N, C-alpha and C. Protein backbone atom coordinates (compact mmCIF):
# COMPACT_ATOMS: atom_id res chain seq x y z
N UNK A 1 -13.51 0.75 26.29
CA UNK A 1 -13.65 1.48 27.54
C UNK A 1 -12.32 1.41 28.27
N UNK A 2 -11.85 2.56 28.72
CA UNK A 2 -10.55 2.58 29.40
C UNK A 2 -10.69 2.24 30.88
N UNK A 3 -9.55 2.06 31.56
CA UNK A 3 -9.57 1.63 32.96
C UNK A 3 -10.16 2.70 33.88
N UNK A 4 -9.97 3.98 33.55
CA UNK A 4 -10.55 5.05 34.37
C UNK A 4 -12.07 5.01 34.32
N UNK A 5 -12.62 4.78 33.12
CA UNK A 5 -14.06 4.70 32.98
C UNK A 5 -14.60 3.49 33.72
N UNK A 6 -13.90 2.37 33.62
CA UNK A 6 -14.33 1.17 34.35
C UNK A 6 -14.34 1.42 35.85
N UNK A 7 -13.30 2.08 36.36
CA UNK A 7 -13.23 2.38 37.80
C UNK A 7 -14.35 3.31 38.22
N UNK A 8 -14.66 4.29 37.37
CA UNK A 8 -15.75 5.21 37.67
C UNK A 8 -17.08 4.46 37.73
N UNK A 9 -17.33 3.59 36.79
CA UNK A 9 -18.57 2.81 36.77
C UNK A 9 -18.66 1.92 38.01
N UNK A 10 -17.57 1.30 38.38
CA UNK A 10 -17.57 0.46 39.58
C UNK A 10 -17.88 1.30 40.82
N UNK A 11 -17.33 2.49 40.89
CA UNK A 11 -17.61 3.38 42.02
C UNK A 11 -19.07 3.81 42.04
N UNK A 12 -19.62 4.13 40.87
CA UNK A 12 -21.04 4.48 40.78
C UNK A 12 -21.91 3.33 41.27
N UNK A 13 -21.58 2.13 40.85
CA UNK A 13 -22.36 0.96 41.25
C UNK A 13 -22.25 0.70 42.75
N UNK A 14 -21.07 0.89 43.31
CA UNK A 14 -20.87 0.67 44.75
C UNK A 14 -21.70 1.65 45.57
N UNK A 15 -21.65 2.92 45.19
CA UNK A 15 -22.42 3.92 45.92
C UNK A 15 -23.91 3.68 45.75
N UNK A 16 -24.32 3.35 44.54
CA UNK A 16 -25.74 3.09 44.27
C UNK A 16 -26.27 1.90 45.04
N UNK A 17 -25.43 0.88 45.20
CA UNK A 17 -25.89 -0.33 45.89
C UNK A 17 -26.24 -0.06 47.34
N UNK A 18 -25.72 1.02 47.90
CA UNK A 18 -25.99 1.37 49.30
C UNK A 18 -27.15 2.35 49.45
N UNK A 19 -27.57 2.97 48.37
CA UNK A 19 -28.54 4.06 48.45
C UNK A 19 -29.85 3.64 49.11
N UNK A 20 -30.39 2.50 48.74
CA UNK A 20 -31.67 2.08 49.30
C UNK A 20 -31.58 1.83 50.81
N UNK A 21 -30.52 1.15 51.24
CA UNK A 21 -30.38 0.89 52.67
C UNK A 21 -30.10 2.18 53.44
N UNK A 22 -29.39 3.10 52.82
CA UNK A 22 -29.14 4.40 53.46
C UNK A 22 -30.46 5.15 53.63
N UNK A 23 -31.26 5.19 52.59
CA UNK A 23 -32.55 5.88 52.66
C UNK A 23 -33.44 5.25 53.73
N UNK A 24 -33.44 3.94 53.80
CA UNK A 24 -34.26 3.26 54.80
C UNK A 24 -33.77 3.58 56.21
N UNK A 25 -32.46 3.53 56.40
CA UNK A 25 -31.90 3.83 57.73
C UNK A 25 -32.21 5.27 58.14
N UNK A 26 -32.14 6.18 57.19
CA UNK A 26 -32.48 7.57 57.50
C UNK A 26 -33.97 7.71 57.83
N UNK A 27 -34.80 7.02 57.06
CA UNK A 27 -36.25 7.06 57.29
C UNK A 27 -36.59 6.56 58.69
N UNK A 28 -35.91 5.51 59.11
CA UNK A 28 -36.16 4.91 60.42
C UNK A 28 -35.35 5.56 61.54
N UNK A 29 -34.62 6.60 61.19
CA UNK A 29 -33.77 7.31 62.15
C UNK A 29 -32.78 6.36 62.83
N UNK A 30 -32.21 5.44 62.02
CA UNK A 30 -31.28 4.44 62.54
C UNK A 30 -29.88 4.61 61.99
N UNK A 31 -29.59 5.75 61.41
CA UNK A 31 -28.26 5.97 60.84
C UNK A 31 -27.52 7.00 61.68
N UNK A 32 -26.39 6.59 62.19
CA UNK A 32 -25.63 7.49 63.04
C UNK A 32 -25.06 8.65 62.23
N UNK A 33 -24.79 9.77 62.90
CA UNK A 33 -24.16 10.88 62.19
C UNK A 33 -22.83 10.46 61.55
N UNK A 34 -22.07 9.60 62.23
CA UNK A 34 -20.79 9.14 61.67
C UNK A 34 -21.01 8.43 60.33
N UNK A 35 -22.00 7.53 60.29
CA UNK A 35 -22.30 6.80 59.05
C UNK A 35 -22.80 7.74 57.97
N UNK A 36 -23.57 8.75 58.35
CA UNK A 36 -24.03 9.75 57.38
C UNK A 36 -22.84 10.48 56.76
N UNK A 37 -21.89 10.86 57.61
CA UNK A 37 -20.69 11.54 57.11
C UNK A 37 -19.88 10.62 56.19
N UNK A 38 -19.78 9.36 56.55
CA UNK A 38 -19.03 8.40 55.73
C UNK A 38 -19.66 8.27 54.34
N UNK A 39 -20.98 8.16 54.29
CA UNK A 39 -21.65 8.04 52.99
C UNK A 39 -21.52 9.34 52.21
N UNK A 40 -21.65 10.45 52.88
CA UNK A 40 -21.49 11.75 52.21
C UNK A 40 -20.08 11.88 51.63
N UNK A 41 -19.09 11.38 52.34
CA UNK A 41 -17.72 11.41 51.82
C UNK A 41 -17.59 10.55 50.57
N UNK A 42 -18.26 9.40 50.56
CA UNK A 42 -18.25 8.55 49.37
C UNK A 42 -18.88 9.28 48.18
N UNK A 43 -20.00 9.94 48.44
CA UNK A 43 -20.68 10.69 47.38
C UNK A 43 -19.80 11.82 46.86
N UNK A 44 -19.12 12.50 47.76
CA UNK A 44 -18.25 13.60 47.35
C UNK A 44 -17.09 13.08 46.51
N UNK A 45 -16.49 11.98 46.94
CA UNK A 45 -15.39 11.39 46.17
C UNK A 45 -15.86 10.95 44.79
N UNK A 46 -17.04 10.37 44.74
CA UNK A 46 -17.61 9.95 43.46
C UNK A 46 -17.85 11.16 42.56
N UNK A 47 -18.37 12.22 43.13
CA UNK A 47 -18.60 13.45 42.38
C UNK A 47 -17.30 13.98 41.80
N UNK A 48 -16.24 13.99 42.61
CA UNK A 48 -14.94 14.45 42.13
C UNK A 48 -14.43 13.58 40.99
N UNK A 49 -14.58 12.26 41.11
CA UNK A 49 -14.15 11.34 40.05
C UNK A 49 -14.90 11.60 38.75
N UNK A 50 -16.20 11.82 38.86
CA UNK A 50 -17.01 12.07 37.67
C UNK A 50 -16.62 13.39 37.00
N UNK A 51 -16.36 14.42 37.81
CA UNK A 51 -15.89 15.69 37.26
C UNK A 51 -14.55 15.52 36.55
N UNK A 52 -13.64 14.77 37.16
CA UNK A 52 -12.33 14.53 36.55
C UNK A 52 -12.48 13.77 35.23
N UNK A 53 -13.33 12.77 35.22
CA UNK A 53 -13.55 11.97 34.03
C UNK A 53 -14.09 12.84 32.90
N UNK A 54 -15.06 13.69 33.22
CA UNK A 54 -15.63 14.59 32.22
C UNK A 54 -14.59 15.57 31.70
N UNK A 55 -13.75 16.09 32.58
CA UNK A 55 -12.72 17.04 32.17
C UNK A 55 -11.71 16.38 31.23
N UNK A 56 -11.35 15.14 31.52
CA UNK A 56 -10.42 14.41 30.65
C UNK A 56 -11.04 14.21 29.28
N UNK A 57 -12.32 13.87 29.25
CA UNK A 57 -12.99 13.69 27.96
C UNK A 57 -13.05 15.01 27.18
N UNK A 58 -13.32 16.10 27.89
CA UNK A 58 -13.36 17.41 27.22
C UNK A 58 -12.01 17.77 26.61
N UNK A 59 -10.92 17.51 27.37
CA UNK A 59 -9.59 17.80 26.85
C UNK A 59 -9.29 16.94 25.62
N UNK A 60 -9.71 15.69 25.65
CA UNK A 60 -9.49 14.79 24.53
C UNK A 60 -10.24 15.27 23.29
N UNK A 61 -11.47 15.73 23.48
CA UNK A 61 -12.26 16.24 22.36
C UNK A 61 -11.61 17.49 21.78
N UNK A 62 -11.17 18.39 22.64
CA UNK A 62 -10.52 19.62 22.17
C UNK A 62 -9.22 19.31 21.43
N UNK A 63 -8.46 18.36 21.95
CA UNK A 63 -7.18 18.01 21.35
C UNK A 63 -7.35 17.40 19.96
N UNK A 64 -8.49 16.76 19.74
CA UNK A 64 -8.72 16.13 18.44
C UNK A 64 -9.49 17.06 17.49
N UNK A 65 -9.63 18.30 17.87
CA UNK A 65 -10.32 19.26 17.02
C UNK A 65 -11.81 19.04 16.95
N UNK A 66 -12.37 18.44 17.98
CA UNK A 66 -13.81 18.23 18.02
C UNK A 66 -14.28 17.02 17.25
N UNK A 67 -13.36 16.22 16.72
CA UNK A 67 -13.75 15.04 15.93
C UNK A 67 -13.88 13.80 16.80
N UNK A 68 -13.76 13.95 18.08
CA UNK A 68 -13.81 12.83 19.00
C UNK A 68 -15.24 12.37 19.23
N UNK A 69 -15.45 11.09 19.20
CA UNK A 69 -16.79 10.54 19.41
C UNK A 69 -16.83 9.79 20.74
N UNK A 70 -17.81 10.11 21.59
CA UNK A 70 -17.96 9.38 22.84
C UNK A 70 -18.36 7.94 22.57
N UNK A 71 -19.03 7.70 21.47
CA UNK A 71 -19.43 6.33 21.10
C UNK A 71 -18.19 5.46 20.95
N UNK A 72 -17.12 6.00 20.39
CA UNK A 72 -15.89 5.22 20.22
C UNK A 72 -15.33 4.79 21.56
N UNK A 73 -15.40 5.67 22.56
CA UNK A 73 -14.87 5.33 23.88
C UNK A 73 -15.72 4.30 24.59
N UNK A 74 -17.00 4.29 24.33
CA UNK A 74 -17.88 3.41 25.07
C UNK A 74 -17.99 2.01 24.47
N UNK A 75 -17.31 1.78 23.36
CA UNK A 75 -17.37 0.45 22.76
C UNK A 75 -16.64 -0.56 23.62
N UNK A 76 -17.07 -1.80 23.63
CA UNK A 76 -16.43 -2.83 24.47
C UNK A 76 -14.98 -3.02 24.08
N UNK A 77 -14.17 -3.31 25.10
CA UNK A 77 -12.74 -3.53 24.82
C UNK A 77 -12.40 -4.97 24.68
């Protein structure tokens, strides 16, 4: 696993770790608009990172003539 994939996974975990408390705060109407915007910005940044990661993988697969295996990338380093 490369460093970009590790960073993406860490970002996914960070955003996910807040999801339950965000949902609860929204349910209880205890989340300020500012905090909502901050979390939305985190989600947007994460979305952009995931799109970039997928695009890099697509380019790698195309460059190798389609012989690229995602399993090879996901093996432990």
